[in-house]
């Protein structure tokens, strides 16, 4: 718990990082969440069009690659399970198996 004269009272930091649950800190946290348009239950959309967790800037596939993953490619399948990425991954597996068998 923070002391009453702590300058972090009435801030979102006081609520989140210091664990203060006074009315001023709760109001500051609520205002911050509202200004960011985030909620603990809402999913958002990555730039590539796939669902992502609201805390992350990108979906799992884009984070795994470290850049924007192109959907419909094998690298896009690393976290994305859309039909295009699934088909691309299956096609790549077929190519590798055929090459190994030859």
C-alpha atoms as a PDB file:
ATOM      1  CA  UNK A   1       0.000   0.000   0.000  1.00  0.00           C
ATOM      2  CA  UNK A   2       1.232   3.491  -0.805  1.00  0.00           C
ATOM      3  CA  UNK A   3       1.546   6.314   1.680  1.00  0.00           C
ATOM      4  CA  UNK A   4      -1.078   9.050   1.426  1.00  0.00           C
ATOM      5  CA  UNK A   5       1.489  11.661   0.366  1.00  0.00           C
ATOM      6  CA  UNK A   6       2.893   9.499  -2.443  1.00  0.00           C
ATOM      7  CA  UNK A   7       2.814  11.473  -5.737  1.00  0.00           C
ATOM      8  CA  UNK A   8       1.594   8.389  -7.606  1.00  0.00           C
ATOM      9  CA  UNK A   9      -1.827   8.594  -5.947  1.00  0.00           C
ATOM     10  CA  UNK A  10      -4.534   9.350  -8.449  1.00  0.00           C
ATOM     11  CA  UNK A  11      -2.649   7.814 -11.375  1.00  0.00           C
ATOM     12  CA  UNK A  12      -3.079   4.659 -13.414  1.00  0.00           C
ATOM     13  CA  UNK A  13       0.448   3.710 -12.317  1.00  0.00           C
ATOM     14  CA  UNK A  14      -0.636   3.863  -8.694  1.00  0.00           C
ATOM     15  CA  UNK A  15      -3.483   1.463  -9.432  1.00  0.00           C
ATOM     16  CA  UNK A  16      -1.614  -0.955 -11.710  1.00  0.00           C
ATOM     17  CA  UNK A  17       1.939  -1.102 -10.383  1.00  0.00           C
ATOM     18  CA  UNK A  18       1.549  -0.044  -6.761  1.00  0.00           C
ATOM     19  CA  UNK A  19      -1.697  -1.886  -6.071  1.00  0.00           C
ATOM     20  CA  UNK A  20      -3.515   1.121  -4.655  1.00  0.00           C
ATOM     21  CA  UNK A  21      -7.289   0.816  -4.841  1.00  0.00           C
ATOM     22  CA  UNK A  22      -8.306   4.233  -3.533  1.00  0.00           C
ATOM     23  CA  UNK A  23     -11.057   6.057  -5.421  1.00  0.00           C
ATOM     24  CA  UNK A  24      -8.628   8.457  -7.111  1.00  0.00           C
ATOM     25  CA  UNK A  25      -6.445   5.626  -8.438  1.00  0.00           C
ATOM     26  CA  UNK A  26      -9.474   3.621  -9.581  1.00  0.00           C
ATOM     27  CA  UNK A  27     -10.851   6.633 -11.441  1.00  0.00           C
ATOM     28  CA  UNK A  28      -7.462   7.298 -13.057  1.00  0.00           C
ATOM     29  CA  UNK A  29      -7.215   3.671 -14.207  1.00  0.00           C
ATOM     30  CA  UNK A  30     -10.755   3.719 -15.585  1.00  0.00           C
ATOM     31  CA  UNK A  31     -10.018   6.928 -17.507  1.00  0.00           C
ATOM     32  CA  UNK A  32      -6.823   5.400 -18.919  1.00  0.00           C
ATOM     33  CA  UNK A  33      -8.569   2.227 -20.034  1.00  0.00           C
ATOM     34  CA  UNK A  34     -11.376   4.220 -21.625  1.00  0.00           C
ATOM     35  CA  UNK A  35      -8.929   6.509 -23.447  1.00  0.00           C
ATOM     36  CA  UNK A  36      -7.071   3.510 -24.886  1.00  0.00           C
ATOM     37  CA  UNK A  37     -10.251   1.720 -25.931  1.00  0.00           C
ATOM     38  CA  UNK A  38      -9.139  -1.489 -24.257  1.00  0.00           C
ATOM     39  CA  UNK A  39     -10.954  -3.996 -22.153  1.00  0.00           C
ATOM     40  CA  UNK A  40      -9.873  -7.242 -20.561  1.00  0.00           C
ATOM     41  CA  UNK A  41     -12.305  -9.258 -22.645  1.00  0.00           C
ATOM     42  CA  UNK A  42     -12.229  -7.579 -26.030  1.00  0.00           C
ATOM     43  CA  UNK A  43     -10.228  -8.949 -28.895  1.00  0.00           C
ATOM     44  CA  UNK A  44      -8.746  -6.578 -31.389  1.00  0.00           C
ATOM     45  CA  UNK A  45      -7.569  -7.071 -34.957  1.00  0.00           C
ATOM     46  CA  UNK A  46      -3.938  -7.118 -36.096  1.00  0.00           C
ATOM     47  CA  UNK A  47      -2.850  -5.152 -39.160  1.00  0.00           C
ATOM     48  CA  UNK A  48      -2.887  -8.425 -41.087  1.00  0.00           C
ATOM     49  CA  UNK A  49      -6.593  -8.914 -40.303  1.00  0.00           C
ATOM     50  CA  UNK A  50      -6.355 -11.732 -37.746  1.00  0.00           C
ATOM     51  CA  UNK A  51      -7.622 -11.532 -34.156  1.00  0.00           C
ATOM     52  CA  UNK A  52      -5.060 -10.559 -31.562  1.00  0.00           C
ATOM     53  CA  UNK A  53      -4.920 -10.156 -27.828  1.00  0.00           C
ATOM     54  CA  UNK A  54      -5.577  -6.534 -26.875  1.00  0.00           C
ATOM     55  CA  UNK A  55      -2.268  -6.229 -24.985  1.00  0.00           C
ATOM     56  CA  UNK A  56      -0.182  -7.220 -27.977  1.00  0.00           C
ATOM     57  CA  UNK A  57       0.533  -5.044 -30.964  1.00  0.00           C
ATOM     58  CA  UNK A  58       0.260  -7.992 -33.365  1.00  0.00           C
ATOM     59  CA  UNK A  59      -1.320 -11.426 -33.699  1.00  0.00           C
ATOM     60  CA  UNK A  60       0.645 -14.546 -32.711  1.00  0.00           C
ATOM     61  CA  UNK A  61       1.774 -15.252 -36.269  1.00  0.00           C
ATOM     62  CA  UNK A  62       3.156 -11.752 -36.782  1.00  0.00           C
ATOM     63  CA  UNK A  63       4.930 -11.838 -33.400  1.00  0.00           C
ATOM     64  CA  UNK A  64       6.471 -15.238 -34.169  1.00  0.00           C
ATOM     65  CA  UNK A  65       7.983 -14.005 -37.400  1.00  0.00           C
ATOM     66  CA  UNK A  66       9.013 -10.661 -35.900  1.00  0.00           C
ATOM     67  CA  UNK A  67       7.368  -8.755 -38.715  1.00  0.00           C
ATOM     68  CA  UNK A  68       4.058  -8.797 -40.481  1.00  0.00           C
ATOM     69  CA  UNK A  69       3.428 -12.382 -41.534  1.00  0.00           C
ATOM     70  CA  UNK A  70       1.825 -12.783 -44.918  1.00  0.00           C
ATOM     71  CA  UNK A  71      -1.301 -14.857 -44.733  1.00  0.00           C
ATOM     72  CA  UNK A  72      -1.472 -17.762 -47.076  1.00  0.00           C
ATOM     73  CA  UNK A  73       2.193 -18.620 -46.489  1.00  0.00           C
ATOM     74  CA  UNK A  74       3.884 -21.277 -44.422  1.00  0.00           C
ATOM     75  CA  UNK A  75       5.435 -18.670 -42.119  1.00  0.00           C
ATOM     76  CA  UNK A  76       1.995 -17.209 -41.516  1.00  0.00           C
ATOM     77  CA  UNK A  77       0.872 -20.567 -40.127  1.00  0.00           C
ATOM     78  CA  UNK A  78       3.096 -20.160 -37.040  1.00  0.00           C
ATOM     79  CA  UNK A  79       0.259 -18.966 -34.819  1.00  0.00           C
ATOM     80  CA  UNK A  80      -2.439 -18.296 -37.384  1.00  0.00           C
ATOM     81  CA  UNK A  81      -4.776 -21.114 -38.250  1.00  0.00           C
ATOM     82  CA  UNK A  82      -6.860 -19.467 -40.951  1.00  0.00           C
ATOM     83  CA  UNK A  83      -7.783 -21.586 -43.981  1.00  0.00           C
ATOM     84  CA  UNK A  84      -5.249 -19.857 -46.253  1.00  0.00           C
ATOM     85  CA  UNK A  85      -2.306 -20.406 -43.878  1.00  0.00           C
ATOM     86  CA  UNK A  86      -3.379 -23.970 -43.159  1.00  0.00           C
ATOM     87  CA  UNK A  87      -3.500 -24.785 -46.879  1.00  0.00           C
ATOM     88  CA  UNK A  88      -0.094 -23.145 -47.469  1.00  0.00           C
ATOM     89  CA  UNK A  89       1.454 -25.157 -44.648  1.00  0.00           C
ATOM     90  CA  UNK A  90      -0.018 -28.417 -45.977  1.00  0.00           C
ATOM     91  CA  UNK A  91       1.268 -27.642 -49.485  1.00  0.00           C
ATOM     92  CA  UNK A  92       4.766 -26.948 -48.126  1.00  0.00           C
ATOM     93  CA  UNK A  93       4.736 -30.248 -46.212  1.00  0.00           C
ATOM     94  CA  UNK A  94       3.706 -32.087 -49.377  1.00  0.00           C
ATOM     95  CA  UNK A  95       6.565 -30.444 -51.310  1.00  0.00           C
ATOM     96  CA  UNK A  96       9.120 -31.382 -48.640  1.00  0.00           C
ATOM     97  CA  UNK A  97       7.894 -34.987 -48.510  1.00  0.00           C
ATOM     98  CA  UNK A  98       7.983 -35.311 -52.295  1.00  0.00           C
ATOM     99  CA  UNK A  99      11.496 -33.860 -52.407  1.00  0.00           C
ATOM    100  CA  UNK A 100      12.700 -36.241 -49.668  1.00  0.00           C
ATOM    101  CA  UNK A 101      11.159 -39.255 -51.419  1.00  0.00           C
ATOM    102  CA  UNK A 102      12.792 -38.397 -54.772  1.00  0.00           C
END
